[in-house]
Protein backbone atom coordinates (compact mmCIF):
# COMPACT_ATOMS: atom_id res chain seq x y z
CA MET A 1 -2.14 18.29 24.94
CA ALA A 2 -0.78 18.16 21.38
CA LYS A 3 -2.35 15.84 18.84
CA ASN A 4 -0.50 14.21 15.99
CA ILE A 5 -2.36 15.02 12.81
CA GLU A 6 -1.46 13.04 9.73
CA VAL A 7 -1.88 15.13 6.59
CA GLU A 8 -2.58 13.26 3.36
CA ASN A 9 -0.55 14.24 0.34
CA LYS A 10 -3.08 15.28 -2.30
CA SER A 11 -0.60 15.42 -5.17
CA ILE A 12 -1.62 13.78 -8.44
CA ASN A 13 1.12 12.56 -10.76
CA LEU A 14 0.21 12.14 -14.43
CA ILE A 15 1.95 10.23 -17.21
CA GLY A 16 0.10 11.34 -20.33
CA ALA A 17 -0.74 9.38 -23.47
CA GLY A 18 2.24 9.22 -25.82
CA THR A 19 4.75 9.37 -22.93
CA THR A 20 7.01 6.41 -22.14
CA ILE A 21 8.97 6.20 -18.88
CA THR A 22 11.61 3.62 -18.06
CA GLY A 23 12.42 3.38 -14.36
CA ASP A 24 10.76 3.03 -10.98
CA ILE A 25 8.31 5.54 -9.49
CA GLN A 26 7.93 6.13 -5.76
CA SER A 27 5.36 8.62 -4.45
CA ASP A 28 3.15 9.47 -1.49
CA GLY A 29 0.41 10.80 -3.79
CA ASP A 30 -1.92 9.43 -6.44
CA ILE A 31 -0.66 8.39 -9.89
CA ARG A 32 -2.54 8.28 -13.20
CA ILE A 33 -0.97 6.58 -16.21
CA ASP A 34 -2.29 7.05 -19.72
CA GLY A 35 1.12 6.44 -21.32
CA SER A 36 3.63 3.59 -20.85
CA LEU A 37 5.79 2.65 -17.89
CA ASN A 38 8.56 0.05 -17.89
CA GLY A 39 9.29 -0.15 -14.18
CA ASN A 40 7.75 -0.49 -10.75
CA ILE A 41 5.38 1.81 -8.84
CA ILE A 42 5.33 2.17 -5.06
CA THR A 43 2.85 4.67 -3.62
CA LYS A 44 0.77 5.23 -0.51
CA GLY A 45 -2.01 6.60 -2.73
CA LYS A 46 -4.18 5.41 -5.59
CA VAL A 47 -2.97 4.26 -9.00
CA VAL A 48 -5.22 4.68 -12.04
CA VAL A 49 -4.27 3.22 -15.42
CA GLY A 50 -6.41 4.60 -18.24
CA THR A 51 -7.47 2.71 -21.37
CA THR A 52 -4.30 3.79 -23.24
CA GLY A 53 -2.05 3.04 -20.24
CA LYS A 54 0.45 0.17 -20.23
CA ILE A 55 2.71 -1.00 -17.41
CA ASN A 56 5.40 -3.64 -17.45
CA GLY A 57 6.41 -3.99 -13.79
CA GLU A 58 5.15 -4.39 -10.23
CA ILE A 59 2.67 -2.07 -8.54
CA THR A 60 2.32 -1.58 -4.78
CA CYS A 61 -0.38 0.88 -3.72
CA LYS A 62 -3.40 1.56 -1.52
CA ASN A 63 -6.10 1.43 -4.25
CA PHE A 64 -5.83 0.51 -7.92
CA ASP A 65 -8.15 1.09 -10.90
CA LEU A 66 -7.17 -0.60 -14.16
CA SER A 67 -8.65 0.15 -17.57
CA GLY A 68 -5.45 -0.46 -19.56
CA LYS A 69 -2.88 -3.27 -19.70
CA ILE A 70 -0.40 -4.59 -17.12
CA GLU A 71 2.23 -7.29 -17.21
CA GLY A 72 3.46 -7.84 -13.66
CA LYS A 73 2.40 -8.24 -10.05
CA VAL A 74 -0.14 -5.94 -8.39
CA ASN A 75 -0.38 -5.47 -4.63
CA ALA A 76 -3.30 -3.23 -3.58
CA ASP A 77 -3.77 -2.85 0.18
CA MET A 78 -7.46 -2.00 -0.10
CA LEU A 79 -9.39 -2.16 -3.42
CA LEU A 80 -8.30 -3.45 -6.81
CA SER A 81 -10.83 -2.62 -9.52
CA LEU A 82 -10.64 -4.15 -13.00
CA LYS A 83 -12.72 -2.15 -15.50
CA PRO A 84 -14.25 -3.70 -18.68
CA SER A 85 -11.21 -2.82 -20.85
CA ALA A 86 -8.66 -4.05 -18.26
CA ASN A 87 -6.09 -6.67 -19.23
CA ILE A 88 -3.73 -8.02 -16.59
CA LEU A 89 -1.12 -10.74 -16.97
CA GLY A 90 0.33 -11.44 -13.55
CA ASP A 91 -0.45 -12.25 -9.95
CA ILE A 92 -2.55 -9.95 -7.79
CA SER A 93 -2.97 -9.44 -4.07
CA ALA A 94 -5.76 -7.21 -2.75
CA GLY A 95 -7.95 -6.47 0.25
CA LYS A 96 -11.01 -6.37 -2.02
CA LEU A 97 -11.35 -7.23 -5.70
CA ALA A 98 -13.92 -5.85 -8.16
CA VAL A 99 -13.97 -7.33 -11.67
CA GLU A 100 -16.34 -5.84 -14.23
CA PRO A 101 -17.59 -7.90 -17.20
CA GLY A 102 -15.12 -7.78 -20.08
CA ALA A 103 -11.98 -7.53 -17.94
CA VAL A 104 -9.26 -10.08 -18.71
CA PHE A 105 -7.15 -11.49 -15.85
CA THR A 106 -4.51 -14.20 -16.27
CA GLY A 107 -2.67 -15.12 -13.08
CA SER A 108 -3.37 -15.97 -9.46
CA CYS A 109 -5.24 -13.91 -6.89
CA LYS A 110 -4.60 -13.74 -3.16
CA MET A 111 -7.04 -11.90 -0.93
CA LYS A 112 -5.38 -10.18 2.02
CA ASP A 113 -6.19 -11.35 5.52
CA ASN A 114 -9.10 -9.32 6.86
CA GLY A 115 -9.14 -10.97 10.26
CA PHE A 116 -11.55 -13.74 9.29
CA ASN A 117 -8.88 -16.33 8.50
CA SER A 118 -6.89 -15.59 11.66
CA SER A 119 -9.96 -16.02 13.90
CA VAL A 120 -10.70 -19.38 12.26
CA LYS A 121 -7.17 -20.56 13.04
CA ILE A 122 -7.47 -19.47 16.69
CA ASN A 123 -10.81 -21.29 17.12
CA ALA A 124 -9.43 -24.43 15.47
CA GLU A 125 -6.49 -24.48 17.86
CA LYS A 126 -8.76 -24.07 20.92
CA THR A 127 -10.84 -27.13 19.99
CA LYS A 128 -7.86 -29.48 19.98
């Protein structure tokens, strides 16, 4: 019997320091930004923004590590990690959030439903 095997794309996309890109990026692989991006990122992989990295736009990804600066919304399905030099101005949504001392965050945070909230609602309805 044949099995469906999902192969992860191990490509790493790099925007180096001194490089500025205007436009949206869509990828199945990981992305590292040490330069500037004026646009949105959509990826099934991990996004890393280095200390010299700057983004003005929305990010949708699986995992996200921020050491640079972002103005815009961030949606990380699993882990969003704000390093000590991180500076984010915008709303975030994440499965898990890690904020190291020194990180600056201005906006609202929504934790994704991990099953706990839905079970509380079901139990509350059963007691009525």
